[in-house]
Amino acid sequence: MKALSIQQPWAWLIVNGHKDIENRTWSTRFRGVFLVHSGKDCDRDGYRYLKSRHDIIMPNDKDFGRGGIVGSAELINCVEISDSQWFSGPYGFVLKGGLPLPFVSLPGSLRFFTVSSGLLGNLVGTVVNYDSTIKVAKVRLFHLISVGDHIMVQGRSNWFQQVRQMFRDGDKIPHGIPGESVLIELDQVPEQGDQIYLSDEAQPPGPGSGPKSKPKPKPKSKPKPKPKPKPKPKPKPKTKQKPKQKPKQKPKQKKKPRPKLKQNLPNPNRFPHGSDETKKKGAGSGG
């Protein structure tokens, strides 16, 4: 869906139906519903001018929503000449059907820029008017909606219902797409500006998408009997393990000392006066 960033307090004047022209230095061929984005800056000179020249009751300049989506409007023409008190040119975007929306923080951009259809959460659209003769409301859509969807209407009184019939240009349609206006049959009488949220049969939209309501209590069911715990198996008695015996080592045998060898020395007592051989030798050699 398209969006256009506009400074405050001019954005507030558009979405609250006071200003029917948005002045630009460039023209556009875009026609249709767009989201009004408020820039982070506030035109304080313009705010003082409005206070001094107009009797419009506006919030304090510090209380304007800034830096996000603040509402929507429909662009029906782009002109260079206009009798509107708000026209200053060179181009004027002719607007109608300004409606405020819950503030959603979002960075802006130059010219028209595209934002996701799911940006506003479960918000489907805003009630533009209600025809009591045929009991249908004209709704400006920001989210895809289908016949059979469950919705919650938030406003003076909140209620839930199912979308039974939806019309575009007098013809029944199964779906409504973001950016268009459709007729939806409603059970109760809404007011202009009421918000319509997607819901389900049991509970309202999620957090941040509308007022909270208590979900329907679930029927109590009988508690299931707890299964009996299985008996724990008795632990087996621990058997003492015999310590492993080390293999017996043979005692080391001491080495016997080797006997000392006796030297064969001549016995001096055997031949006290010399051996017979020496005697023989001496007798033979005398002379």
Protein backbone atom coordinates (compact mmCIF):
# COMPACT_ATOMS: atom_id res chain seq x y z
CA MET A 1 0.00 0.00 0.00
CA LYS A 2 1.21 3.55 -0.76
CA ALA A 3 2.13 6.12 1.88
CA LEU A 4 3.12 9.80 1.78
CA SER A 5 5.20 11.58 4.42
CA ILE A 6 3.79 14.96 5.57
CA GLN A 7 5.01 17.24 8.34
CA GLN A 8 2.95 18.03 11.39
CA PRO A 9 0.63 19.87 11.96
CA TRP A 10 -0.44 19.45 8.30
CA ALA A 11 -0.70 15.65 8.61
CA TRP A 12 -3.04 16.04 11.60
CA LEU A 13 -5.23 18.50 9.65
CA ILE A 14 -5.55 16.05 6.71
CA VAL A 15 -6.47 12.92 8.70
CA ASN A 16 -8.96 14.87 10.81
CA GLY A 17 -10.77 16.24 7.74
CA HIS A 18 -9.73 19.92 7.95
CA LYS A 19 -7.31 20.15 5.00
CA ASP A 20 -8.35 19.09 1.49
CA ILE A 21 -5.18 20.04 -0.46
CA GLU A 22 -1.59 18.87 -0.03
CA ASN A 23 0.87 21.17 -1.84
CA ARG A 24 3.89 19.75 -3.67
CA THR A 25 6.50 20.87 -6.18
CA TRP A 26 5.91 17.72 -8.26
CA SER A 27 2.84 16.14 -9.83
CA THR A 28 1.61 12.55 -9.61
CA ARG A 29 -0.64 10.15 -11.52
CA PHE A 30 -1.43 8.13 -8.41
CA ARG A 31 -5.10 8.00 -7.41
CA GLY A 32 -6.63 6.17 -4.51
CA VAL A 33 -6.30 5.57 -0.78
CA PHE A 34 -2.90 6.08 0.84
CA LEU A 35 -1.48 6.08 4.37
CA VAL A 36 -0.52 9.44 5.85
CA HIS A 37 2.95 9.29 7.38
CA SER A 38 4.12 12.01 9.75
CA GLY A 39 7.73 13.11 9.56
CA LYS A 40 9.89 13.49 12.65
CA ASP A 41 10.07 17.30 12.32
CA CYS A 42 7.27 19.72 13.17
CA ASP A 43 6.60 22.94 11.23
CA ARG A 44 6.49 25.26 14.26
CA ASP A 45 6.07 28.41 12.12
CA GLY A 46 3.09 26.81 10.41
CA TYR A 47 1.69 25.77 13.81
CA ARG A 48 1.89 29.38 15.10
CA TYR A 49 0.29 30.63 11.85
CA LEU A 50 -2.64 28.20 12.25
CA LYS A 51 -3.14 29.24 15.85
CA SER A 52 -3.29 32.91 14.90
CA ARG A 53 -5.46 32.66 11.75
CA HIS A 54 -7.79 29.67 12.32
CA ASP A 55 -10.17 28.58 15.03
CA ILE A 56 -9.24 24.89 14.72
CA ILE A 57 -8.69 23.25 18.10
CA MET A 58 -5.41 21.34 17.77
CA PRO A 59 -3.30 19.42 20.27
CA ASN A 60 -0.10 20.88 21.65
CA ASP A 61 2.74 20.83 19.11
CA LYS A 62 4.63 18.34 21.35
CA ASP A 63 1.66 15.92 21.38
CA PHE A 64 1.49 15.24 17.63
CA GLY A 65 2.37 11.72 16.56
CA ARG A 66 5.66 11.96 14.66
CA GLY A 67 7.82 9.45 12.84
CA GLY A 68 5.08 7.01 11.81
CA ILE A 69 1.66 6.31 10.31
CA VAL A 70 -1.07 8.58 11.73
CA GLY A 71 -4.01 8.05 9.35
CA SER A 72 -5.21 7.70 5.78
CA ALA A 73 -6.80 9.75 3.02
CA GLU A 74 -7.89 9.37 -0.59
CA LEU A 75 -6.21 11.26 -3.44
CA ILE A 76 -8.74 12.03 -6.19
CA ASN A 77 -6.91 14.58 -8.37
CA CYS A 78 -3.72 16.60 -8.95
CA VAL A 79 -4.28 20.26 -9.94
CA GLU A 80 -2.35 23.45 -10.65
CA ILE A 81 -5.24 25.81 -9.84
CA SER A 82 -7.69 25.55 -6.95
CA ASP A 83 -10.09 27.73 -4.94
CA SER A 84 -9.22 25.90 -1.71
CA GLN A 85 -7.91 28.11 1.08
CA TRP A 86 -5.10 25.54 1.53
CA PHE A 87 -3.77 25.72 -2.04
CA SER A 88 -0.42 27.44 -2.60
CA GLY A 89 0.98 25.36 -5.51
CA PRO A 90 2.64 24.78 -7.78
CA TYR A 91 0.78 21.42 -7.57
CA GLY A 92 -2.06 20.50 -5.28
CA PHE A 93 -3.11 16.93 -4.39
CA VAL A 94 -6.89 17.02 -3.93
CA LEU A 95 -7.81 14.88 -0.92
CA LYS A 96 -10.96 13.59 0.71
CA GLY A 97 -11.99 11.19 3.46
CA GLY A 98 -9.18 11.80 5.91
CA LEU A 99 -9.32 9.37 8.85
CA PRO A 100 -6.98 8.97 11.83
CA LEU A 101 -5.41 5.56 12.58
CA PRO A 102 -3.57 4.08 15.56
CA PHE A 103 0.00 5.38 15.47
CA VAL A 104 2.57 2.95 14.05
CA SER A 105 6.25 3.90 14.15
CA LEU A 106 7.82 3.71 10.68
CA PRO A 107 10.70 5.47 8.90
CA GLY A 108 9.54 7.67 6.03
CA SER A 109 10.80 8.25 2.50
CA LEU A 110 10.54 10.75 -0.34
CA ARG A 111 7.45 10.90 -2.56
CA PHE A 112 4.99 8.00 -2.43
CA PHE A 113 6.54 4.86 -0.96
CA THR A 114 5.23 1.34 -0.46
CA VAL A 115 4.58 -0.22 2.93
CA SER A 116 3.60 -3.79 3.80
CA SER A 117 -0.11 -4.56 4.10
CA GLY A 118 0.67 -6.24 7.43
CA LEU A 119 2.23 -3.08 8.87
CA LEU A 120 -0.86 -2.27 10.91
CA GLY A 121 -1.08 -5.78 12.39
CA ASN A 122 -4.62 -7.17 12.47
CA LEU A 123 -6.22 -3.84 11.52
CA VAL A 124 -8.45 -4.51 8.50
CA GLY A 125 -9.83 -1.04 7.89
CA THR A 126 -11.70 2.03 9.07
CA VAL A 127 -15.41 2.76 8.86
CA VAL A 128 -16.04 5.71 6.50
CA ASN A 129 -19.84 5.82 6.89
CA TYR A 130 -22.85 3.58 7.56
CA ASP A 131 -26.06 3.16 5.55
CA SER A 132 -28.79 2.22 8.01
CA THR A 133 -31.34 1.43 5.26
CA ILE A 134 -29.38 -1.57 3.96
CA LYS A 135 -27.29 -2.09 7.11
CA VAL A 136 -23.89 -1.95 5.44
CA ALA A 137 -20.81 0.09 6.31
CA LYS A 138 -18.37 1.58 3.84
CA VAL A 139 -14.95 0.43 5.01
CA ARG A 140 -11.57 1.65 3.82
CA LEU A 141 -9.33 -1.43 3.73
CA PHE A 142 -5.68 -1.72 4.77
CA HIS A 143 -5.56 -5.52 4.91
CA LEU A 144 -6.92 -8.38 2.79
CA ILE A 145 -10.33 -9.57 4.03
CA SER A 146 -12.60 -12.36 2.81
CA VAL A 147 -16.19 -13.43 3.28
CA GLY A 148 -16.23 -15.82 6.25
CA ASP A 149 -13.49 -14.01 8.19
CA HIS A 150 -14.17 -13.18 11.82
CA ILE A 151 -13.81 -9.50 12.72
CA MET A 152 -13.97 -7.27 15.78
CA VAL A 153 -15.39 -3.76 15.47
CA GLN A 154 -13.77 -1.36 17.94
CA GLY A 155 -15.36 1.98 18.72
CA ARG A 156 -18.12 3.26 20.98
CA SER A 157 -19.05 -0.39 21.61
CA ASN A 158 -16.99 -3.44 20.69
CA TRP A 159 -18.50 -6.57 19.16
CA PHE A 160 -17.50 -9.64 17.18
CA GLN A 161 -19.13 -11.05 14.07
CA GLN A 162 -18.46 -12.97 10.89
CA VAL A 163 -18.29 -11.28 7.47
CA ARG A 164 -21.34 -12.66 5.65
CA GLN A 165 -21.58 -10.33 2.63
CA MET A 166 -19.28 -7.82 0.98
CA PHE A 167 -19.99 -5.53 -1.99
CA ARG A 168 -18.07 -3.42 -4.50
CA ASP A 169 -20.01 -1.16 -6.90
CA GLY A 170 -23.23 -3.04 -6.11
CA ASP A 171 -21.76 -6.50 -6.84
CA LYS A 172 -21.05 -9.20 -4.28
CA ILE A 173 -17.34 -9.94 -3.92
CA PRO A 174 -15.50 -12.74 -2.08
CA HIS A 175 -12.42 -10.66 -1.16
CA GLY A 176 -11.46 -7.06 -0.44
CA ILE A 177 -7.93 -5.84 -1.10
CA PRO A 178 -5.88 -3.12 0.67
CA GLY A 179 -6.35 0.40 -0.67
CA GLU A 180 -9.97 0.06 -1.79
CA SER A 181 -13.28 0.85 -0.13
CA VAL A 182 -15.94 -1.86 0.13
CA LEU A 183 -19.36 -2.30 1.73
CA ILE A 184 -19.56 -4.82 4.57
CA GLU A 185 -22.76 -5.96 6.25
CA LEU A 186 -22.52 -5.30 10.00
CA ASP A 187 -24.79 -6.54 12.81
CA GLN A 188 -24.66 -3.28 14.76
CA VAL A 189 -24.43 0.42 13.92
CA PRO A 190 -20.82 1.68 13.87
CA GLU A 191 -19.56 5.26 13.89
CA GLN A 192 -17.26 6.97 11.43
CA GLY A 193 -13.67 6.21 12.33
CA ASP A 194 -14.40 2.90 14.09
CA GLN A 195 -11.64 0.36 13.54
CA ILE A 196 -12.22 -3.17 12.25
CA TYR A 197 -9.75 -5.90 13.23
CA LEU A 198 -9.30 -9.48 12.09
CA SER A 199 -10.11 -11.93 14.84
CA ASP A 200 -11.14 -15.53 15.40
CA GLU A 201 -14.06 -17.21 17.10
CA ALA A 202 -12.34 -17.55 20.48
CA GLN A 203 -10.38 -14.40 21.10
CA PRO A 204 -9.78 -10.83 19.85
CA PRO A 205 -6.71 -9.74 17.86
CA GLY A 206 -3.24 -10.04 19.29
CA PRO A 207 -1.39 -7.44 21.40
CA GLY A 208 -1.26 -3.93 20.01
CA SER A 209 -4.19 -4.53 17.62
CA GLY A 210 -7.13 -3.56 19.80
CA PRO A 211 -8.57 -3.90 23.28
CA LYS A 212 -7.94 -7.16 25.04
CA SER A 213 -10.75 -9.43 26.12
CA LYS A 214 -10.70 -12.62 28.11
CA PRO A 215 -10.75 -15.77 25.99
CA LYS A 216 -13.61 -18.21 26.48
CA PRO A 217 -12.77 -20.71 29.20
CA LYS A 218 -12.14 -24.21 27.99
CA PRO A 219 -14.42 -26.94 29.43
CA LYS A 220 -12.81 -28.76 32.30
CA SER A 221 -11.89 -32.31 31.51
CA LYS A 222 -11.56 -35.09 34.08
CA PRO A 223 -7.97 -35.58 35.07
CA LYS A 224 -6.49 -38.76 33.75
CA PRO A 225 -5.53 -41.28 36.46
CA LYS A 226 -1.86 -41.29 37.10
CA PRO A 227 -0.23 -44.55 36.05
CA LYS A 228 1.07 -46.67 38.91
CA PRO A 229 4.81 -46.45 39.17
CA LYS A 230 6.58 -49.61 38.15
CA PRO A 231 8.41 -51.35 41.03
CA LYS A 232 12.06 -50.70 40.92
CA PRO A 233 14.10 -53.89 40.42
CA LYS A 234 16.06 -54.96 43.47
CA PRO A 235 19.71 -54.26 43.04
CA LYS A 236 21.86 -57.36 42.78
CA PRO A 237 24.15 -57.92 45.78
CA LYS A 238 27.59 -56.86 45.07
CA THR A 239 30.09 -59.73 45.14
CA LYS A 240 33.50 -59.07 46.42
CA GLN A 241 35.99 -59.56 43.75
CA LYS A 242 39.07 -61.40 44.74
CA PRO A 243 42.10 -59.34 44.25
CA LYS A 244 44.17 -60.51 41.41
CA GLN A 245 47.18 -62.45 42.66
CA LYS A 246 50.43 -61.52 41.20
CA PRO A 247 52.27 -64.52 39.73
CA LYS A 248 54.88 -65.88 42.10
CA GLN A 249 58.36 -65.05 41.02
CA LYS A 250 61.06 -67.62 41.49
CA PRO A 251 63.63 -66.51 44.03
CA LYS A 252 66.82 -65.47 42.49
CA GLN A 253 69.56 -68.01 43.17
CA LYS A 254 72.73 -66.61 44.45
CA LYS A 255 75.66 -67.43 42.31
CA LYS A 256 78.20 -69.61 44.08
CA PRO A 257 81.67 -68.15 44.03
CA ARG A 258 84.01 -70.02 41.85
CA PRO A 259 86.72 -71.98 43.80
CA LYS A 260 90.15 -70.56 43.52
CA LEU A 261 92.54 -72.76 41.63
CA LYS A 262 95.51 -73.97 43.69
CA GLN A 263 98.87 -73.46 42.11
CA ASN A 264 100.96 -76.67 41.80
CA LEU A 265 103.98 -75.51 43.68
CA PRO A 266 106.73 -77.97 44.77
CA ASN A 267 106.38 -79.09 48.30
CA PRO A 268 109.59 -78.07 50.12
CA ASN A 269 109.04 -80.72 52.81
CA ARG A 270 109.13 -83.47 50.30
CA PHE A 271 112.77 -82.97 49.55
CA PRO A 272 114.30 -81.37 52.61
CA HIS A 273 117.82 -81.68 51.39
CA GLY A 274 117.16 -81.22 47.77
CA SER A 275 115.57 -83.52 45.36
CA ASP A 276 117.09 -86.71 44.11
CA GLU A 277 117.33 -85.18 40.74
CA THR A 278 119.39 -82.30 42.01
CA LYS A 279 121.61 -84.60 43.84
CA LYS A 280 122.16 -86.66 40.79
CA LYS A 281 122.87 -83.59 38.80
CA GLY A 282 125.30 -82.35 41.37
CA ALA A 283 127.19 -85.62 41.56
CA GLY A 284 127.63 -85.82 37.91
CA SER A 285 128.87 -82.34 37.57
CA GLY A 286 131.49 -82.38 40.26
CA GLY A 287 134.90 -82.78 39.39
